Amino acid sequence: MKRIELLDLVATHAAFPSLLQSLVTGTETRLLRARETDARWSPLEILAHIADEEIEDFRPRAQAAALEKPLPWAIDPPAWVVERKYNEQEPSAVLERFAQERADSCAWLRTLSAAQLGRALEHPTFGRMRCGDFIASWRMHDLLHLRQLTTALAVLNARALEGWRTEYAGRIPEAT
């Protein structure tokens, strides 16, 4: 990853909290707490997960790789959903916390040198992971959860609009 590419990525990274805020603004809290199925996370649980991953996964792992200073790998995001009562949290507080943490992350990312991007740690599953690999994975994590969030919102809103015809919009994903 070249420095200019990193700065472009950081700009996109910095805009992500606003994108999430825009996506859920005006959505009823009951819808944000609803689940497509018991096996799926609610939109609020997805948002809280993204916030916690910012603090406890991607930023510290990228920082550790940049310093070539190993840290414990064990985290349990699925358990956090229940343990941290994600669905009971206040949506605006979750989004605020995420926005602040993402701003802190972006401030740090802007300080990275090309040499630091190439520094690495040994991951127990994925092998040698460079700082840049963690940053690229961080970006993909955002996008994968954005897809998960928009799918959940589409399904839940379609249910809330029951009685009205929505097929003109296109095929609504099915909850699986």
C-alpha atoms as a PDB file:
ATOM      1  CA  MET A   1       0.000   0.000   0.000  1.00  0.00           C
ATOM      2  CA  LYS A   2       1.544   3.270  -1.089  1.00  0.00           C
ATOM      3  CA  ARG A   3       1.310   6.338   1.142  1.00  0.00           C
ATOM      4  CA  ILE A   4      -1.139   8.075  -1.201  1.00  0.00           C
ATOM      5  CA  GLU A   5      -3.328   4.952  -1.232  1.00  0.00           C
ATOM      6  CA  LEU A   6      -3.241   4.891   2.565  1.00  0.00           C
ATOM      7  CA  LEU A   7      -4.384   8.504   2.724  1.00  0.00           C
ATOM      8  CA  ASP A   8      -7.270   7.722   0.331  1.00  0.00           C
ATOM      9  CA  LEU A   9      -8.211   4.736   2.473  1.00  0.00           C
ATOM     10  CA  VAL A  10      -8.063   6.860   5.632  1.00  0.00           C
ATOM     11  CA  ALA A  11     -10.394   9.437   4.064  1.00  0.00           C
ATOM     12  CA  THR A  12     -12.907   6.691   3.256  1.00  0.00           C
ATOM     13  CA  HIS A  13     -12.365   5.176   6.690  1.00  0.00           C
ATOM     14  CA  ALA A  14     -13.033   8.552   8.329  1.00  0.00           C
ATOM     15  CA  ALA A  15     -16.329   8.945   6.464  1.00  0.00           C
ATOM     16  CA  PHE A  16     -17.713   5.572   7.591  1.00  0.00           C
ATOM     17  CA  PRO A  17     -19.277   6.768  10.895  1.00  0.00           C
ATOM     18  CA  SER A  18     -21.230   9.446   9.004  1.00  0.00           C
ATOM     19  CA  LEU A  19     -22.406   6.851   6.508  1.00  0.00           C
ATOM     20  CA  LEU A  20     -23.680   4.639   9.334  1.00  0.00           C
ATOM     21  CA  GLN A  21     -25.307   7.628  11.042  1.00  0.00           C
ATOM     22  CA  SER A  22     -27.096   8.590   7.820  1.00  0.00           C
ATOM     23  CA  LEU A  23     -28.200   5.025   7.249  1.00  0.00           C
ATOM     24  CA  VAL A  24     -29.916   4.612  10.611  1.00  0.00           C
ATOM     25  CA  THR A  25     -31.078   8.172  11.330  1.00  0.00           C
ATOM     26  CA  GLY A  26     -34.838   8.177  11.641  1.00  0.00           C
ATOM     27  CA  THR A  27     -35.061   4.409  12.060  1.00  0.00           C
ATOM     28  CA  GLU A  28     -37.197   3.487  15.039  1.00  0.00           C
ATOM     29  CA  THR A  29     -35.233   2.053  17.945  1.00  0.00           C
ATOM     30  CA  ARG A  30     -37.507  -1.010  18.001  1.00  0.00           C
ATOM     31  CA  LEU A  31     -36.441  -1.745  14.404  1.00  0.00           C
ATOM     32  CA  LEU A  32     -32.769  -1.257  15.288  1.00  0.00           C
ATOM     33  CA  ARG A  33     -33.189  -3.814  18.088  1.00  0.00           C
ATOM     34  CA  ALA A  34     -35.116  -6.335  15.936  1.00  0.00           C
ATOM     35  CA  ARG A  35     -33.519  -9.384  14.358  1.00  0.00           C
ATOM     36  CA  GLU A  36     -34.270 -10.894  10.968  1.00  0.00           C
ATOM     37  CA  THR A  37     -34.038 -14.323  12.648  1.00  0.00           C
ATOM     38  CA  ASP A  38     -32.789 -15.547  16.012  1.00  0.00           C
ATOM     39  CA  ALA A  39     -29.498 -16.497  14.372  1.00  0.00           C
ATOM     40  CA  ARG A  40     -28.841 -13.006  12.937  1.00  0.00           C
ATOM     41  CA  TRP A  41     -27.693  -9.848  14.682  1.00  0.00           C
ATOM     42  CA  SER A  42     -29.949  -6.832  14.954  1.00  0.00           C
ATOM     43  CA  PRO A  43     -28.824  -3.580  13.301  1.00  0.00           C
ATOM     44  CA  LEU A  44     -27.913  -2.236  16.750  1.00  0.00           C
ATOM     45  CA  GLU A  45     -25.866  -5.348  17.527  1.00  0.00           C
ATOM     46  CA  ILE A  46     -24.026  -4.883  14.220  1.00  0.00           C
ATOM     47  CA  LEU A  47     -23.266  -1.251  15.073  1.00  0.00           C
ATOM     48  CA  ALA A  48     -22.045  -2.099  18.591  1.00  0.00           C
ATOM     49  CA  HIS A  49     -19.879  -4.882  17.147  1.00  0.00           C
ATOM     50  CA  ILE A  50     -18.260  -2.486  14.692  1.00  0.00           C
ATOM     51  CA  ALA A  51     -17.536  -0.054  17.551  1.00  0.00           C
ATOM     52  CA  ASP A  52     -15.959  -2.724  19.756  1.00  0.00           C
ATOM     53  CA  GLU A  53     -13.907  -4.135  16.874  1.00  0.00           C
ATOM     54  CA  GLU A  54     -12.503  -0.633  16.330  1.00  0.00           C
ATOM     55  CA  ILE A  55     -11.257  -0.511  19.909  1.00  0.00           C
ATOM     56  CA  GLU A  56     -10.316  -4.116  20.625  1.00  0.00           C
ATOM     57  CA  ASP A  57      -9.398  -5.703  17.314  1.00  0.00           C
ATOM     58  CA  PHE A  58      -8.384  -3.836  14.182  1.00  0.00           C
ATOM     59  CA  ARG A  59      -6.692  -0.715  15.578  1.00  0.00           C
ATOM     60  CA  PRO A  60      -4.680  -2.527  18.276  1.00  0.00           C
ATOM     61  CA  ARG A  61      -3.646  -5.288  15.864  1.00  0.00           C
ATOM     62  CA  ALA A  62      -2.514  -2.825  13.199  1.00  0.00           C
ATOM     63  CA  GLN A  63      -0.664  -0.848  15.880  1.00  0.00           C
ATOM     64  CA  ALA A  64       0.976  -4.001  17.215  1.00  0.00           C
ATOM     65  CA  ALA A  65       2.083  -5.012  13.718  1.00  0.00           C
ATOM     66  CA  ALA A  66       3.467  -1.509  13.036  1.00  0.00           C
ATOM     67  CA  LEU A  67       5.583  -1.882  16.171  1.00  0.00           C
ATOM     68  CA  GLU A  68       6.212  -5.602  15.629  1.00  0.00           C
ATOM     69  CA  LYS A  69       5.051  -6.086  19.198  1.00  0.00           C
ATOM     70  CA  PRO A  70       2.823  -9.170  19.581  1.00  0.00           C
ATOM     71  CA  LEU A  71      -0.352  -9.010  21.640  1.00  0.00           C
ATOM     72  CA  PRO A  72      -2.846 -11.704  22.665  1.00  0.00           C
ATOM     73  CA  TRP A  73      -4.995 -12.854  19.759  1.00  0.00           C
ATOM     74  CA  ALA A  74      -8.002 -14.190  21.686  1.00  0.00           C
ATOM     75  CA  ILE A  75     -11.183 -12.150  21.339  1.00  0.00           C
ATOM     76  CA  ASP A  76     -14.776 -13.394  21.209  1.00  0.00           C
ATOM     77  CA  PRO A  77     -17.030 -10.984  19.283  1.00  0.00           C
ATOM     78  CA  PRO A  78     -20.052 -13.362  19.179  1.00  0.00           C
ATOM     79  CA  ALA A  79     -19.956 -13.616  22.985  1.00  0.00           C
ATOM     80  CA  TRP A  80     -19.714  -9.820  23.293  1.00  0.00           C
ATOM     81  CA  VAL A  81     -23.189  -9.470  21.763  1.00  0.00           C
ATOM     82  CA  VAL A  82     -24.713 -11.091  24.856  1.00  0.00           C
ATOM     83  CA  GLU A  83     -22.108 -10.239  27.512  1.00  0.00           C
ATOM     84  CA  ARG A  84     -22.082  -6.547  26.629  1.00  0.00           C
ATOM     85  CA  LYS A  85     -25.831  -6.389  26.050  1.00  0.00           C
ATOM     86  CA  TYR A  86     -25.476  -4.790  22.646  1.00  0.00           C
ATOM     87  CA  ASN A  87     -29.214  -4.753  21.998  1.00  0.00           C
ATOM     88  CA  GLU A  88     -29.869  -2.817  25.211  1.00  0.00           C
ATOM     89  CA  GLN A  89     -27.448  -0.023  24.358  1.00  0.00           C
ATOM     90  CA  GLU A  90     -28.589   3.395  23.198  1.00  0.00           C
ATOM     91  CA  PRO A  91     -28.113   3.619  19.400  1.00  0.00           C
ATOM     92  CA  SER A  92     -26.970   7.254  19.443  1.00  0.00           C
ATOM     93  CA  ALA A  93     -24.384   6.477  22.144  1.00  0.00           C
ATOM     94  CA  VAL A  94     -23.038   3.530  20.132  1.00  0.00           C
ATOM     95  CA  LEU A  95     -22.711   5.696  17.018  1.00  0.00           C
ATOM     96  CA  GLU A  96     -21.066   8.511  18.997  1.00  0.00           C
ATOM     97  CA  ARG A  97     -18.568   6.141  20.584  1.00  0.00           C
ATOM     98  CA  PHE A  98     -17.752   4.624  17.217  1.00  0.00           C
ATOM     99  CA  ALA A  99     -17.304   8.038  15.582  1.00  0.00           C
ATOM    100  CA  GLN A 100     -14.863   9.141  18.297  1.00  0.00           C
ATOM    101  CA  GLU A 101     -12.876   5.900  18.173  1.00  0.00           C
ATOM    102  CA  ARG A 102     -12.753   5.991  14.373  1.00  0.00           C
ATOM    103  CA  ALA A 103     -11.468   9.587  14.502  1.00  0.00           C
ATOM    104  CA  ASP A 104      -8.731   8.425  16.895  1.00  0.00           C
ATOM    105  CA  SER A 105      -7.919   5.521  14.562  1.00  0.00           C
ATOM    106  CA  CYS A 106      -7.686   7.797  11.538  1.00  0.00           C
ATOM    107  CA  ALA A 107      -5.420  10.222  13.394  1.00  0.00           C
ATOM    108  CA  TRP A 108      -3.080   7.311  14.108  1.00  0.00           C
ATOM    109  CA  LEU A 109      -3.325   5.915  10.562  1.00  0.00           C
ATOM    110  CA  ARG A 110      -2.235   9.286   9.140  1.00  0.00           C
ATOM    111  CA  THR A 111       1.053   8.982  11.062  1.00  0.00           C
ATOM    112  CA  LEU A 112       2.102   5.674   9.498  1.00  0.00           C
ATOM    113  CA  SER A 113       5.153   5.401   7.286  1.00  0.00           C
ATOM    114  CA  ALA A 114       5.547   3.017   4.359  1.00  0.00           C
ATOM    115  CA  ALA A 115       8.048   1.047   6.436  1.00  0.00           C
ATOM    116  CA  GLN A 116       5.535   0.582   9.247  1.00  0.00           C
ATOM    117  CA  LEU A 117       2.923  -0.709   6.785  1.00  0.00           C
ATOM    118  CA  GLY A 118       5.272  -3.567   5.926  1.00  0.00           C
ATOM    119  CA  ARG A 119       6.041  -4.601   9.493  1.00  0.00           C
ATOM    120  CA  ALA A 120       4.378  -7.832  10.530  1.00  0.00           C
ATOM    121  CA  LEU A 121       3.255 -10.213  13.222  1.00  0.00           C
ATOM    122  CA  GLU A 122       2.656 -13.928  13.084  1.00  0.00           C
ATOM    123  CA  HIS A 123      -1.061 -14.710  13.334  1.00  0.00           C
ATOM    124  CA  PRO A 124      -1.940 -18.212  14.609  1.00  0.00           C
ATOM    125  CA  THR A 125      -4.409 -18.835  11.749  1.00  0.00           C
ATOM    126  CA  PHE A 126      -3.387 -16.532   8.897  1.00  0.00           C
ATOM    127  CA  GLY A 127       0.390 -16.619   9.264  1.00  0.00           C
ATOM    128  CA  ARG A 128       2.459 -13.499   8.655  1.00  0.00           C
ATOM    129  CA  MET A 129       0.200 -10.417   8.715  1.00  0.00           C
ATOM    130  CA  ARG A 130       1.613  -6.994   7.899  1.00  0.00           C
ATOM    131  CA  CYS A 131       0.274  -3.775   9.370  1.00  0.00           C
ATOM    132  CA  GLY A 132      -1.083  -2.964   5.895  1.00  0.00           C
ATOM    133  CA  ASP A 133      -2.862  -6.336   5.809  1.00  0.00           C
ATOM    134  CA  PHE A 134      -4.680  -5.475   9.032  1.00  0.00           C
ATOM    135  CA  ILE A 135      -5.623  -2.070   7.639  1.00  0.00           C
ATOM    136  CA  ALA A 136      -6.930  -3.590   4.391  1.00  0.00           C
ATOM    137  CA  SER A 137      -8.877  -6.182   6.398  1.00  0.00           C
ATOM    138  CA  TRP A 138     -10.262  -3.397   8.587  1.00  0.00           C
ATOM    139  CA  ARG A 139     -11.666  -1.675   5.499  1.00  0.00           C
ATOM    140  CA  MET A 140     -13.209  -4.914   4.261  1.00  0.00           C
ATOM    141  CA  HIS A 141     -14.692  -5.539   7.720  1.00  0.00           C
ATOM    142  CA  ASP A 142     -16.491  -2.196   7.445  1.00  0.00           C
ATOM    143  CA  LEU A 143     -17.876  -3.063   4.032  1.00  0.00           C
ATOM    144  CA  LEU A 144     -18.962  -6.588   4.965  1.00  0.00           C
ATOM    145  CA  HIS A 145     -20.835  -5.272   7.995  1.00  0.00           C
ATOM    146  CA  LEU A 146     -22.311  -2.457   5.910  1.00  0.00           C
ATOM    147  CA  ARG A 147     -23.779  -5.141   3.638  1.00  0.00           C
ATOM    148  CA  GLN A 148     -25.033  -7.058   6.697  1.00  0.00           C
ATOM    149  CA  LEU A 149     -26.570  -3.894   8.143  1.00  0.00           C
ATOM    150  CA  THR A 150     -28.307  -2.823   4.937  1.00  0.00           C
ATOM    151  CA  THR A 151     -29.681  -6.324   4.413  1.00  0.00           C
ATOM    152  CA  ALA A 152     -31.044  -6.404   7.963  1.00  0.00           C
ATOM    153  CA  LEU A 153     -32.614  -2.968   7.524  1.00  0.00           C
ATOM    154  CA  ALA A 154     -34.188  -3.989   4.195  1.00  0.00           C
ATOM    155  CA  VAL A 155     -35.719  -7.146   5.657  1.00  0.00           C
ATOM    156  CA  LEU A 156     -36.918  -5.457   8.844  1.00  0.00           C
ATOM    157  CA  ASN A 157     -38.358  -2.456   7.012  1.00  0.00           C
ATOM    158  CA  ALA A 158     -40.123  -4.735   4.530  1.00  0.00           C
ATOM    159  CA  ARG A 159     -41.766  -6.465   7.486  1.00  0.00           C
ATOM    160  CA  ALA A 160     -42.725  -3.105   9.010  1.00  0.00           C
ATOM    161  CA  LEU A 161     -44.311  -2.097   5.707  1.00  0.00           C
ATOM    162  CA  GLU A 162     -46.350  -5.283   5.515  1.00  0.00           C
ATOM    163  CA  GLY A 163     -49.625  -4.645   3.761  1.00  0.00           C
ATOM    164  CA  TRP A 164     -47.982  -2.294   1.300  1.00  0.00           C
ATOM    165  CA  ARG A 165     -46.578  -3.568  -1.971  1.00  0.00           C
ATOM    166  CA  THR A 166     -42.815  -3.218  -2.123  1.00  0.00           C
ATOM    167  CA  GLU A 167     -41.912  -5.428  -5.090  1.00  0.00           C
ATOM    168  CA  TYR A 168     -41.481  -2.334  -7.261  1.00  0.00           C
ATOM    169  CA  ALA A 169     -38.281  -1.635  -5.265  1.00  0.00           C
ATOM    170  CA  GLY A 170     -36.752  -4.951  -6.263  1.00  0.00           C
ATOM    171  CA  ARG A 171     -36.269  -8.264  -4.532  1.00  0.00           C
ATOM    172  CA  ILE A 172     -36.037  -7.949  -0.757  1.00  0.00           C
ATOM    173  CA  PRO A 173     -33.420 -10.329   0.654  1.00  0.00           C
ATOM    174  CA  GLU A 174     -34.843 -13.277   2.520  1.00  0.00           C
ATOM    175  CA  ALA A 175     -33.953 -13.743   6.165  1.00  0.00           C
ATOM    176  CA  THR A 176     -31.965 -16.959   6.431  1.00  0.00           C
END
